[in-house]
Each structure stands twice: as C-alpha cells, then as structure tokens.
Protein backbone atom coordinates (compact mmCIF):
# COMPACT_ATOMS: atom_id res chain seq x y z
CA UNK A 1 23.91 -5.77 7.11
CA UNK A 2 21.72 -8.99 7.54
CA UNK A 3 18.79 -9.22 9.64
CA UNK A 4 18.31 -12.25 11.67
CA UNK A 5 14.90 -13.12 12.72
CA UNK A 6 14.15 -15.89 15.22
CA UNK A 7 10.55 -16.09 16.11
CA UNK A 8 9.33 -12.63 16.76
CA UNK A 9 13.03 -11.47 17.81
CA UNK A 10 14.69 -9.28 14.92
CA UNK A 11 18.49 -8.59 15.11
CA UNK A 12 20.64 -6.44 12.64
CA UNK A 13 24.00 -8.14 12.30
CA UNK A 14 27.07 -7.00 10.65
CA UNK A 15 30.53 -8.91 10.57
CA UNK A 16 33.35 -6.96 11.51
CA UNK A 17 35.98 -9.42 11.35
CA UNK A 18 35.89 -13.47 12.14
CA UNK A 19 34.29 -13.85 15.59
CA UNK A 20 33.39 -9.95 15.97
CA UNK A 21 30.05 -8.75 14.97
CA UNK A 22 28.03 -5.68 15.47
CA UNK A 23 24.45 -6.69 16.74
CA UNK A 24 21.90 -3.89 16.70
CA UNK A 25 25.05 -1.54 16.54
CA UNK A 26 26.64 -3.21 19.68
CA UNK A 27 29.78 -4.86 19.22
CA UNK A 28 30.04 -8.67 20.36
CA UNK A 29 32.83 -11.17 20.40
CA UNK A 30 31.65 -14.69 19.94
CA UNK A 31 33.76 -17.75 20.08
CA UNK A 32 32.57 -19.92 17.27
CA UNK A 33 34.14 -23.61 17.00
CA UNK A 34 33.25 -26.26 14.58
CA UNK A 35 32.84 -29.17 16.55
CA UNK A 36 31.25 -31.93 14.10
CA UNK A 37 29.28 -31.99 10.79
CA UNK A 38 27.20 -28.94 10.97
CA UNK A 39 27.65 -28.78 14.67
CA UNK A 40 29.40 -25.69 16.25
CA UNK A 41 29.89 -24.54 19.90
CA UNK A 42 29.31 -20.69 20.33
CA UNK A 43 30.54 -19.13 23.49
CA UNK A 44 29.03 -15.39 24.20
CA UNK A 45 29.55 -13.89 27.45
CA UNK A 46 30.89 -16.82 29.19
CA UNK A 47 27.80 -18.92 28.28
CA UNK A 48 28.00 -21.79 25.96
CA UNK A 49 25.56 -22.61 22.92
CA UNK A 50 25.47 -25.91 20.96
CA UNK A 51 24.16 -25.05 17.62
CA UNK A 52 23.48 -27.93 15.12
CA UNK A 53 22.26 -27.10 11.75
CA UNK A 54 19.29 -29.31 10.92
CA UNK A 55 18.20 -27.65 7.68
CA UNK A 56 19.17 -24.92 5.29
CA UNK A 57 16.48 -23.66 2.89
CA UNK A 58 18.19 -21.30 0.36
CA UNK A 59 14.99 -20.44 -1.41
CA UNK A 60 13.52 -18.95 1.53
CA UNK A 61 16.54 -17.94 3.35
CA UNK A 62 15.93 -19.95 6.24
CA UNK A 63 17.76 -22.38 8.59
CA UNK A 64 16.43 -24.64 11.00
CA UNK A 65 18.75 -24.79 14.14
CA UNK A 66 18.87 -26.87 17.31
CA UNK A 67 20.10 -24.40 19.73
CA UNK A 68 21.15 -26.57 23.03
CA UNK A 69 18.47 -29.03 21.81
CA UNK A 70 15.54 -26.60 21.06
CA UNK A 71 14.59 -26.25 17.41
CA UNK A 72 14.40 -22.76 16.24
CA UNK A 73 13.72 -21.56 12.54
CA UNK A 74 15.90 -18.75 11.67
CA UNK A 75 15.30 -16.36 8.78
CA UNK A 76 18.45 -14.66 7.39
CA UNK A 77 17.81 -11.36 5.04
CA UNK A 78 20.64 -9.42 3.27
CA UNK A 79 20.04 -5.95 2.37
CA UNK A 80 18.42 -7.22 -0.98
CA UNK A 81 15.87 -9.00 0.87
CA UNK A 82 15.15 -6.36 3.38
CA UNK A 83 14.63 -4.00 0.45
CA UNK A 84 12.12 -6.45 -1.45
CA UNK A 85 10.39 -6.92 1.76
CA UNK A 86 10.10 -3.00 2.04
CA UNK A 87 8.80 -2.88 -1.41
CA UNK A 88 6.27 -5.62 -0.88
CA UNK A 89 7.98 -7.99 -3.17
CA UNK A 90 9.08 -10.65 -0.55
CA UNK A 91 9.57 -13.99 -2.00
CA UNK A 92 8.28 -15.71 1.05
CA UNK A 93 6.34 -18.86 0.20
CA UNK A 94 3.76 -18.55 2.70
CA UNK A 95 3.08 -14.72 1.69
CA UNK A 96 1.13 -14.11 -1.59
CA UNK A 97 2.25 -10.80 -3.18
CA UNK A 98 -0.68 -8.31 -3.27
CA UNK A 99 0.87 -5.46 -4.77
CA UNK A 100 3.88 -3.43 -6.25
CA UNK A 101 4.84 -0.26 -4.71
CA UNK A 102 7.11 2.55 -6.00
CA UNK A 103 10.76 1.65 -5.02
CA UNK A 104 11.55 5.49 -4.95
CA UNK A 105 9.89 8.73 -6.36
CA UNK A 106 9.81 9.10 -10.09
CA UNK A 107 8.09 9.25 -13.35
CA UNK A 108 6.20 6.48 -14.88
CA UNK A 109 7.55 6.10 -18.53
CA UNK A 110 5.79 3.15 -19.83
CA UNK A 111 3.12 0.79 -18.43
CA UNK A 112 3.53 -2.73 -20.15
CA UNK A 113 1.07 -4.88 -17.81
CA UNK A 114 -2.58 -4.87 -18.40
CA UNK A 115 -5.60 -5.28 -16.16
CA UNK A 116 -6.36 -9.02 -15.79
CA UNK A 117 -3.09 -10.01 -17.70
CA UNK A 118 -1.38 -13.25 -16.33
CA UNK A 119 2.26 -12.20 -15.66
CA UNK A 120 5.01 -14.65 -15.30
CA UNK A 121 7.97 -14.01 -12.65
CA UNK A 122 10.39 -11.65 -13.76
CA UNK A 123 8.30 -10.42 -16.75
CA UNK A 124 8.43 -6.26 -17.06
CA UNK A 125 5.35 -4.75 -15.54
CA UNK A 126 6.49 -1.09 -16.18
CA UNK A 127 9.20 1.32 -16.56
CA UNK A 128 9.83 3.94 -13.94
CA UNK A 129 12.41 6.78 -14.15
CA UNK A 130 14.02 7.93 -11.15
CA UNK A 131 17.30 10.32 -10.88
CA UNK A 132 17.61 10.09 -14.62
CA UNK A 133 17.68 6.38 -14.80
CA UNK A 134 15.12 4.05 -16.19
CA UNK A 135 14.21 1.28 -13.22
CA UNK A 136 12.69 -1.82 -14.93
CA UNK A 137 9.86 -3.05 -12.58
CA UNK A 138 9.31 -6.79 -12.69
CA UNK A 139 6.94 -9.30 -11.51
CA UNK A 140 8.30 -10.83 -8.27
CA UNK A 141 6.14 -13.96 -8.97
CA UNK A 142 3.66 -15.57 -11.29
CA UNK A 143 0.54 -13.05 -10.74
CA UNK A 144 -2.76 -11.78 -12.37
CA UNK A 145 -2.83 -8.01 -12.74
CA UNK A 146 -6.08 -7.03 -10.84
CA UNK A 147 -5.52 -3.31 -11.31
CA UNK A 148 -3.01 -0.61 -12.53
CA UNK A 149 -2.94 2.38 -10.57
CA UNK A 150 -0.89 4.51 -12.86
CA UNK A 151 -0.44 5.69 -16.37
CA UNK A 152 2.56 6.83 -18.36
CA UNK A 153 3.43 10.17 -17.41
CA UNK A 154 2.22 9.77 -13.68
CA UNK A 155 4.56 11.03 -10.94
CA UNK A 156 5.04 8.79 -8.09
CA UNK A 157 5.90 8.72 -4.74
CA UNK A 158 8.00 6.22 -2.58
CA UNK A 159 5.79 3.34 -1.52
CA UNK A 160 2.82 4.50 -3.95
CA UNK A 161 1.09 1.43 -4.87
CA UNK A 162 1.66 1.09 -8.84
CA UNK A 163 -0.37 -2.22 -9.21
CA UNK A 164 -2.24 -4.72 -7.38
CA UNK A 165 -2.50 -8.37 -8.02
CA UNK A 166 -5.59 -10.76 -7.84
C-alpha cells in the first residue's frame, strides 16, 4: 500500500493489477498510456488527464508533475516510509528530526548513545527487546543527542519518546 500526497490531499493506493487500483479502499480502473517521453494520458471516469513527469526526486520520494498543465508536487510513501513517519523518523529534507519514539512496546536492553553525543546517520542509539527479538534503534540522521529518556531495564510503550535531539 502506498500513500500518495498532493498538497493536503492524501490517498492510500494499492495496485490490484495493471490499470486497476484500490484508492482509499474503493476500486478504480484507469486507462494509462505512455504518449511520449515522460508524458502519459490517463483516463478516469471518461475524463482525460495529460500527465508529464517534470522531475523525480528519489531521496525525498517526490515527483513534480504537470497535470493538465498545472504543476503539482506529489509525495509517494510506501509502507516503510509511512512507518518511519509514524515513528518520527521521516527523512524529509525540510523536517528536522526532534526525537526517536519506541516503534513497539518492549524492554530497553542497552543504551549506546550518551547525552550531548554527536551521532552519525545509521549509528546505533539503543537496543530494544520486543517479542523476544532484539531491535537495534539507529540514528535516522546526523544528530546531537539532547536527552536520553530511558535506561537499560526500562519497559517502554509504543510511541514513548526514547531520545530527543538538539
């Protein structure tokens, strides 16, 4: 399931098969035809849309499209990106990461990070045990640890703040 965001409009989209989609749980058929380099004709409910892909930013999961001549920025989030967003770990360039939350209830086994420590992207912050599995919680970006809110042996709830960043 992907989440498509155009402006303030969010839609959950799942591909059933070529030209058949579930959009917010309702089935839609779209006739999509490539009519040129990065240009598509899309027919939905007897309405034709001309869509041109102007730019594709893989790092931010976004595209700039011209839909019937009107430019739109479209964000595309798969299940992984949606999970990161829900955990406060989004990789959006315009959003500074302020904290790490527990992705699930569990037991803090080890805290590797220290207050005021600079952490590189991908470095281990702490280890959380959940459902008899060790989950390594890593730094989503280059950050400075402001405060560690948990200690080894602490039980945490889902979405509980574990670490805040400066």
